[in-house]
N, C-alpha and C. Protein backbone atom coordinates (compact mmCIF):
# COMPACT_ATOMS: atom_id res chain seq x y z
N MET A 1 82.72 137.47 250.53
CA MET A 1 82.68 138.86 250.08
C MET A 1 83.13 139.77 251.22
N ASP A 2 83.99 140.70 250.91
CA ASP A 2 84.52 141.62 251.90
C ASP A 2 83.47 142.67 252.23
N LYS A 3 82.97 142.66 253.45
CA LYS A 3 81.90 143.58 253.85
C LYS A 3 82.37 145.02 253.92
N ASN A 4 83.66 145.26 254.01
CA ASN A 4 84.19 146.62 254.11
C ASN A 4 84.52 147.24 252.76
N LEU A 5 84.33 146.48 251.68
CA LEU A 5 84.67 146.98 250.36
C LEU A 5 83.92 148.27 250.04
N SER A 6 82.63 148.36 250.38
CA SER A 6 81.86 149.56 250.06
C SER A 6 82.39 150.78 250.83
N PHE A 7 82.92 150.56 252.02
CA PHE A 7 83.51 151.67 252.77
C PHE A 7 84.81 152.12 252.14
N GLU A 8 85.55 151.18 251.58
CA GLU A 8 86.83 151.49 250.95
C GLU A 8 86.65 152.28 249.66
N THR A 9 85.57 152.02 248.96
CA THR A 9 85.35 152.68 247.66
C THR A 9 84.40 153.88 247.76
N MET A 10 83.91 154.16 248.95
CA MET A 10 82.96 155.26 249.11
C MET A 10 83.62 156.60 248.78
N PRO A 11 82.92 157.45 248.01
CA PRO A 11 83.45 158.79 247.72
C PRO A 11 83.63 159.57 249.02
N ASP A 12 84.46 160.61 248.95
CA ASP A 12 84.68 161.41 250.16
C ASP A 12 83.41 162.17 250.54
N SER A 13 83.40 162.68 251.76
CA SER A 13 82.20 163.33 252.32
C SER A 13 81.70 164.48 251.46
N GLU A 14 82.59 165.26 250.89
CA GLU A 14 82.18 166.40 250.07
C GLU A 14 81.36 165.94 248.87
N LEU A 15 81.81 164.87 248.21
CA LEU A 15 81.06 164.35 247.07
C LEU A 15 79.71 163.78 247.50
N ILE A 16 79.67 163.14 248.65
CA ILE A 16 78.40 162.61 249.15
C ILE A 16 77.42 163.74 249.43
N PHE A 17 77.90 164.86 249.99
CA PHE A 17 77.04 166.01 250.23
C PHE A 17 76.53 166.60 248.92
N GLU A 18 77.39 166.67 247.91
CA GLU A 18 76.97 167.17 246.60
C GLU A 18 75.90 166.27 246.00
N LEU A 19 76.07 164.96 246.15
CA LEU A 19 75.08 164.01 245.65
C LEU A 19 73.74 164.19 246.38
N ALA A 20 73.80 164.37 247.68
CA ALA A 20 72.58 164.60 248.46
C ALA A 20 71.87 165.87 248.00
N ASP A 21 72.65 166.92 247.72
CA ASP A 21 72.05 168.16 247.22
C ASP A 21 71.39 167.95 245.86
N LEU A 22 72.02 167.14 245.00
CA LEU A 22 71.44 166.84 243.70
C LEU A 22 70.09 166.14 243.88
N PHE A 23 70.05 165.17 244.78
CA PHE A 23 68.79 164.46 244.98
C PHE A 23 67.73 165.36 245.60
N LYS A 24 68.12 166.37 246.35
CA LYS A 24 67.15 167.34 246.87
C LYS A 24 66.46 168.07 245.73
N VAL A 25 67.21 168.39 244.69
CA VAL A 25 66.63 169.08 243.53
C VAL A 25 65.59 168.18 242.88
N PHE A 26 65.88 166.89 242.81
CA PHE A 26 64.93 165.94 242.24
C PHE A 26 63.74 165.71 243.16
N GLY A 27 63.81 166.17 244.40
CA GLY A 27 62.76 165.95 245.38
C GLY A 27 61.57 166.88 245.27
N ASP A 28 61.53 167.73 244.27
CA ASP A 28 60.43 168.68 244.09
C ASP A 28 59.59 168.24 242.89
N SER A 29 58.29 168.04 243.09
CA SER A 29 57.44 167.52 242.02
C SER A 29 57.33 168.48 240.83
N THR A 30 57.35 169.78 241.08
CA THR A 30 57.29 170.73 239.96
C THR A 30 58.54 170.61 239.09
N ARG A 31 59.70 170.54 239.73
CA ARG A 31 60.94 170.39 238.95
C ARG A 31 60.95 169.07 238.20
N LEU A 32 60.46 168.00 238.81
CA LEU A 32 60.39 166.71 238.11
C LEU A 32 59.46 166.78 236.90
N ARG A 33 58.34 167.46 237.06
CA ARG A 33 57.41 167.60 235.94
C ARG A 33 58.05 168.39 234.80
N ILE A 34 58.79 169.43 235.14
CA ILE A 34 59.49 170.22 234.12
C ILE A 34 60.53 169.36 233.40
N MET A 35 61.33 168.63 234.17
CA MET A 35 62.36 167.78 233.55
C MET A 35 61.72 166.70 232.69
N TYR A 36 60.61 166.13 233.16
CA TYR A 36 59.92 165.12 232.36
C TYR A 36 59.42 165.73 231.05
N ALA A 37 58.87 166.94 231.12
CA ALA A 37 58.40 167.63 229.91
C ALA A 37 59.54 167.87 228.93
N LEU A 38 60.73 168.09 229.45
CA LEU A 38 61.90 168.36 228.60
C LEU A 38 62.58 167.07 228.13
N SER A 39 62.11 165.92 228.56
CA SER A 39 62.79 164.67 228.23
C SER A 39 62.72 164.33 226.74
N ASP A 40 61.78 164.93 226.01
CA ASP A 40 61.69 164.68 224.57
C ASP A 40 62.34 165.77 223.73
N GLY A 41 62.87 166.79 224.37
CA GLY A 41 63.54 167.85 223.63
C GLY A 41 63.27 169.21 224.23
N GLU A 42 63.90 170.22 223.63
CA GLU A 42 63.81 171.56 224.20
C GLU A 42 62.44 172.19 224.00
N LEU A 43 62.11 173.07 224.95
CA LEU A 43 60.83 173.79 224.93
C LEU A 43 61.04 175.21 225.44
N PRO A 44 60.24 176.16 224.94
CA PRO A 44 60.28 177.51 225.51
C PRO A 44 59.52 177.54 226.84
N VAL A 45 59.85 178.50 227.67
CA VAL A 45 59.24 178.61 229.00
C VAL A 45 57.72 178.67 228.91
N MET A 46 57.21 179.45 227.99
CA MET A 46 55.76 179.62 227.86
C MET A 46 55.07 178.28 227.58
N GLU A 47 55.66 177.47 226.72
CA GLU A 47 55.07 176.18 226.38
C GLU A 47 55.10 175.22 227.58
N ILE A 48 56.17 175.28 228.36
CA ILE A 48 56.24 174.46 229.57
C ILE A 48 55.14 174.89 230.54
N ALA A 49 55.01 176.19 230.74
CA ALA A 49 54.00 176.72 231.66
C ALA A 49 52.59 176.32 231.21
N GLU A 50 52.31 176.45 229.93
CA GLU A 50 50.99 176.09 229.41
C GLU A 50 50.74 174.59 229.57
N GLY A 51 51.74 173.78 229.22
CA GLY A 51 51.58 172.33 229.31
C GLY A 51 51.36 171.84 230.73
N LEU A 52 52.01 172.49 231.68
CA LEU A 52 51.87 172.09 233.08
C LEU A 52 50.77 172.86 233.81
N LYS A 53 50.13 173.79 233.07
CA LYS A 53 49.05 174.62 233.64
C LYS A 53 49.52 175.34 234.90
N MET A 54 50.66 176.03 234.74
CA MET A 54 51.26 176.76 235.85
C MET A 54 51.67 178.15 235.36
N GLU A 55 51.91 179.04 236.32
CA GLU A 55 52.34 180.40 235.99
C GLU A 55 53.76 180.37 235.41
N GLN A 56 53.99 181.23 234.45
CA GLN A 56 55.31 181.31 233.83
C GLN A 56 56.38 181.69 234.86
N SER A 57 56.04 182.55 235.81
CA SER A 57 57.02 182.97 236.82
C SER A 57 57.45 181.78 237.70
N THR A 58 56.50 180.89 238.00
CA THR A 58 56.82 179.69 238.78
C THR A 58 57.75 178.78 238.01
N ILE A 59 57.45 178.59 236.74
CA ILE A 59 58.29 177.74 235.89
C ILE A 59 59.68 178.35 235.75
N SER A 60 59.74 179.65 235.53
CA SER A 60 61.04 180.33 235.39
C SER A 60 61.89 180.16 236.65
N HIS A 61 61.26 180.29 237.81
CA HIS A 61 62.00 180.13 239.07
C HIS A 61 62.56 178.71 239.18
N GLN A 62 61.75 177.71 238.88
CA GLN A 62 62.21 176.33 238.98
C GLN A 62 63.27 176.02 237.92
N LEU A 63 63.14 176.59 236.74
CA LEU A 63 64.16 176.41 235.71
C LEU A 63 65.49 177.00 236.14
N ARG A 64 65.44 178.10 236.86
CA ARG A 64 66.66 178.72 237.38
C ARG A 64 67.37 177.76 238.35
N VAL A 65 66.59 177.12 239.22
CA VAL A 65 67.15 176.14 240.15
C VAL A 65 67.76 174.97 239.38
N LEU A 66 67.05 174.48 238.38
CA LEU A 66 67.55 173.36 237.58
C LEU A 66 68.81 173.74 236.82
N ARG A 67 68.85 174.95 236.32
CA ARG A 67 70.02 175.41 235.59
C ARG A 67 71.23 175.56 236.52
N GLN A 68 71.01 176.10 237.71
CA GLN A 68 72.09 176.26 238.68
C GLN A 68 72.69 174.91 239.08
N ASN A 69 71.87 173.88 239.02
CA ASN A 69 72.33 172.54 239.38
C ASN A 69 72.75 171.72 238.16
N LYS A 70 72.89 172.38 237.03
CA LYS A 70 73.37 171.78 235.79
C LYS A 70 72.51 170.62 235.31
N LEU A 71 71.20 170.75 235.51
CA LEU A 71 70.27 169.72 235.05
C LEU A 71 69.58 170.12 233.77
N VAL A 72 69.50 171.42 233.49
CA VAL A 72 68.97 171.91 232.22
C VAL A 72 69.95 172.93 231.64
N ARG A 73 69.86 173.08 230.33
CA ARG A 73 70.67 174.10 229.65
C ARG A 73 69.73 175.02 228.89
N VAL A 74 70.23 176.18 228.55
CA VAL A 74 69.40 177.21 227.92
C VAL A 74 69.99 177.59 226.57
N ARG A 75 69.08 177.95 225.65
CA ARG A 75 69.49 178.46 224.34
C ARG A 75 68.56 179.61 224.01
N ARG A 76 69.15 180.71 223.58
CA ARG A 76 68.36 181.89 223.23
C ARG A 76 68.29 182.01 221.71
N GLU A 77 67.07 182.28 221.24
CA GLU A 77 66.85 182.52 219.81
C GLU A 77 66.00 183.77 219.72
N GLY A 78 66.65 184.91 219.46
CA GLY A 78 65.95 186.19 219.49
C GLY A 78 65.50 186.48 220.91
N LYS A 79 64.22 186.75 221.06
CA LYS A 79 63.67 187.00 222.40
C LYS A 79 63.23 185.71 223.10
N GLN A 80 63.16 184.63 222.34
CA GLN A 80 62.68 183.36 222.87
C GLN A 80 63.82 182.59 223.55
N ILE A 81 63.53 182.03 224.72
CA ILE A 81 64.50 181.23 225.46
C ILE A 81 64.00 179.80 225.51
N TYR A 82 64.86 178.88 225.10
CA TYR A 82 64.53 177.46 225.09
C TYR A 82 65.34 176.73 226.15
N TYR A 83 64.69 175.77 226.78
CA TYR A 83 65.36 174.94 227.79
C TYR A 83 65.34 173.50 227.34
N ALA A 84 66.39 172.78 227.73
CA ALA A 84 66.49 171.35 227.44
C ALA A 84 67.22 170.68 228.60
N LEU A 85 67.05 169.38 228.73
CA LEU A 85 67.82 168.66 229.73
C LEU A 85 69.29 168.81 229.38
N ASP A 86 70.13 168.92 230.38
CA ASP A 86 71.55 169.17 230.14
C ASP A 86 72.23 168.00 229.42
N ASP A 87 71.86 166.77 229.77
CA ASP A 87 72.44 165.61 229.09
C ASP A 87 71.57 164.38 229.34
N ASP A 88 71.97 163.27 228.75
CA ASP A 88 71.19 162.04 228.87
C ASP A 88 71.17 161.48 230.28
N HIS A 89 72.15 161.85 231.12
CA HIS A 89 72.17 161.36 232.50
C HIS A 89 70.91 161.79 233.24
N VAL A 90 70.47 163.01 233.01
CA VAL A 90 69.29 163.54 233.70
C VAL A 90 68.07 162.70 233.32
N LYS A 91 67.93 162.44 232.03
CA LYS A 91 66.80 161.62 231.56
C LYS A 91 66.86 160.22 232.16
N LYS A 92 68.06 159.65 232.23
CA LYS A 92 68.21 158.30 232.79
C LYS A 92 67.86 158.26 234.27
N ILE A 93 68.23 159.30 235.02
CA ILE A 93 67.88 159.35 236.44
C ILE A 93 66.37 159.35 236.61
N ILE A 94 65.67 160.14 235.80
CA ILE A 94 64.22 160.20 235.87
C ILE A 94 63.62 158.84 235.50
N GLU A 95 64.10 158.24 234.41
CA GLU A 95 63.59 156.95 233.97
C GLU A 95 63.82 155.86 235.02
N MET A 96 65.00 155.87 235.63
CA MET A 96 65.30 154.87 236.65
C MET A 96 64.42 155.07 237.88
N GLY A 97 64.18 156.32 238.25
CA GLY A 97 63.29 156.60 239.37
C GLY A 97 61.88 156.11 239.11
N LEU A 98 61.38 156.36 237.89
CA LEU A 98 60.05 155.90 237.54
C LEU A 98 59.98 154.38 237.54
N ASP A 99 61.01 153.72 236.98
CA ASP A 99 61.04 152.26 237.00
C ASP A 99 60.97 151.73 238.42
N HIS A 100 61.70 152.36 239.32
CA HIS A 100 61.72 151.92 240.71
C HIS A 100 60.35 152.10 241.36
N VAL A 101 59.71 153.22 241.12
CA VAL A 101 58.39 153.48 241.70
C VAL A 101 57.34 152.52 241.15
N LEU A 102 57.47 152.16 239.88
CA LEU A 102 56.49 151.29 239.24
C LEU A 102 56.67 149.81 239.59
N GLU A 103 57.79 149.44 240.21
CA GLU A 103 58.02 148.03 240.57
C GLU A 103 57.05 147.56 241.61
């Protein structure tokens, strides 16, 4: 096996930095709890806050970070704002992380 193959196929430094930034977002337990809560479908901010027993302002701030990093998406219905995981990749990352921790 060619030991240098992984160096040959490694993404460029900019992509590696972007990946590191993505994992930093996953490094916050509040954001992980929010994403886990959203893994079964969309929820309004108030319901997330109540379910996690946290202030709505704290949840809103963390949702803003998740949205900026394209991990959640938003849908407005009247005055109500609903959040959901952006795609199945986010759910898979969480599931894979949990599998790894549980090993």
